[in-house]
Amino acid sequence: MPTAFIPASLPVRIDEELCIADKGCTVCVDVCPLDVLAIDFTKGKAYMKFDECWYCMPCEKDCPTGAVTVDIPYLLR
């Protein structure tokens, strides 16, 4: 039976300790131009739904708690 593809790392990381999506915050989801972020309503936390990030950074810059980190690849810095 084939195993599911699980990426080694995603460009956008959400610190679940800092994420306040369970309190109604959706800033990172709202500012993402590609709609790659979503809220997991079972956990009440944001997560990266699709690995299609443009590294444009508004999710990281606008997060009120600093829960979002965008890992920009070395060659794009």
Protein backbone atom coordinates (compact mmCIF):
# COMPACT_ATOMS: atom_id res chain seq x y z
CA MET A 1 0.00 0.00 0.00
CA PRO A 2 1.53 3.38 -1.00
CA THR A 3 2.15 5.92 1.71
CA ALA A 4 0.80 9.44 1.49
CA PHE A 5 3.15 12.21 0.41
CA ILE A 6 4.11 14.30 3.43
CA PRO A 7 6.39 17.26 2.69
CA ALA A 8 9.51 17.47 4.84
CA SER A 9 8.73 21.07 5.66
CA LEU A 10 6.21 23.67 4.61
CA PRO A 11 7.14 27.27 3.82
CA VAL A 12 4.63 28.66 6.32
CA ARG A 13 4.79 27.44 9.90
CA ILE A 14 2.16 28.24 12.51
CA ASP A 15 3.10 28.20 16.17
CA GLU A 16 -0.01 26.64 17.67
CA GLU A 17 0.85 27.99 21.11
CA LEU A 18 0.61 31.56 19.77
CA CYS A 19 -2.21 31.10 17.21
CA ILE A 20 -5.52 32.58 18.38
CA ALA A 21 -7.76 31.29 15.59
CA ASP A 22 -9.84 29.61 18.31
CA LYS A 23 -10.72 33.14 19.48
CA GLY A 24 -11.94 34.13 16.02
CA CYS A 25 -8.73 35.46 14.44
CA THR A 26 -8.43 34.81 10.70
CA VAL A 27 -5.89 37.50 9.76
CA CYS A 28 -3.37 35.16 8.09
CA VAL A 29 -6.09 33.47 6.05
CA ASP A 30 -7.62 36.81 5.05
CA VAL A 31 -4.38 38.41 3.82
CA CYS A 32 -3.03 35.43 1.85
CA PRO A 33 -3.45 36.23 -1.88
CA LEU A 34 -3.30 32.53 -2.82
CA ASP A 35 -5.68 31.15 -0.19
CA VAL A 36 -3.10 28.59 0.93
CA LEU A 37 -3.85 29.06 4.62
CA ALA A 38 -6.95 27.81 6.40
CA ILE A 39 -8.34 27.34 9.89
CA ASP A 40 -8.58 23.83 11.32
CA PHE A 41 -11.84 24.18 13.23
CA THR A 42 -11.29 20.93 15.15
CA LYS A 43 -8.08 22.33 16.67
CA GLY A 44 -8.93 26.03 16.41
CA LYS A 45 -5.60 26.78 14.73
CA ALA A 46 -4.40 28.03 11.35
CA TYR A 47 -2.44 25.74 9.06
CA MET A 48 -0.99 25.65 5.56
CA LYS A 49 -3.56 23.89 3.39
CA PHE A 50 -1.69 24.07 0.06
CA ASP A 51 2.07 24.28 -0.54
CA GLU A 52 1.92 27.07 -3.12
CA CYS A 53 3.44 29.96 -1.16
CA TRP A 54 4.79 33.04 -3.03
CA TYR A 55 6.76 34.16 0.08
CA CYS A 56 4.99 37.52 -0.04
CA MET A 57 4.93 37.70 3.79
CA PRO A 58 1.65 39.47 4.76
CA CYS A 59 0.60 36.45 6.81
CA GLU A 60 3.74 36.77 8.93
CA LYS A 61 3.74 40.56 9.09
CA ASP A 62 0.04 40.96 9.91
CA CYS A 63 -0.31 38.14 12.48
CA PRO A 64 -1.19 39.90 15.75
CA THR A 65 0.57 37.31 17.93
CA GLY A 66 3.60 36.44 15.79
CA ALA A 67 2.40 32.86 15.32
CA VAL A 68 3.22 32.77 11.60
CA THR A 69 6.72 32.22 10.23
CA VAL A 70 7.53 32.16 6.53
CA ASP A 71 10.66 30.15 5.76
CA ILE A 72 12.10 31.80 2.66
CA PRO A 73 14.35 29.44 0.71
CA TYR A 74 18.01 30.39 0.69
CA LEU A 75 18.08 31.02 -3.07
CA LEU A 76 15.21 33.53 -2.84
CA ARG A 77 16.69 35.66 -0.04
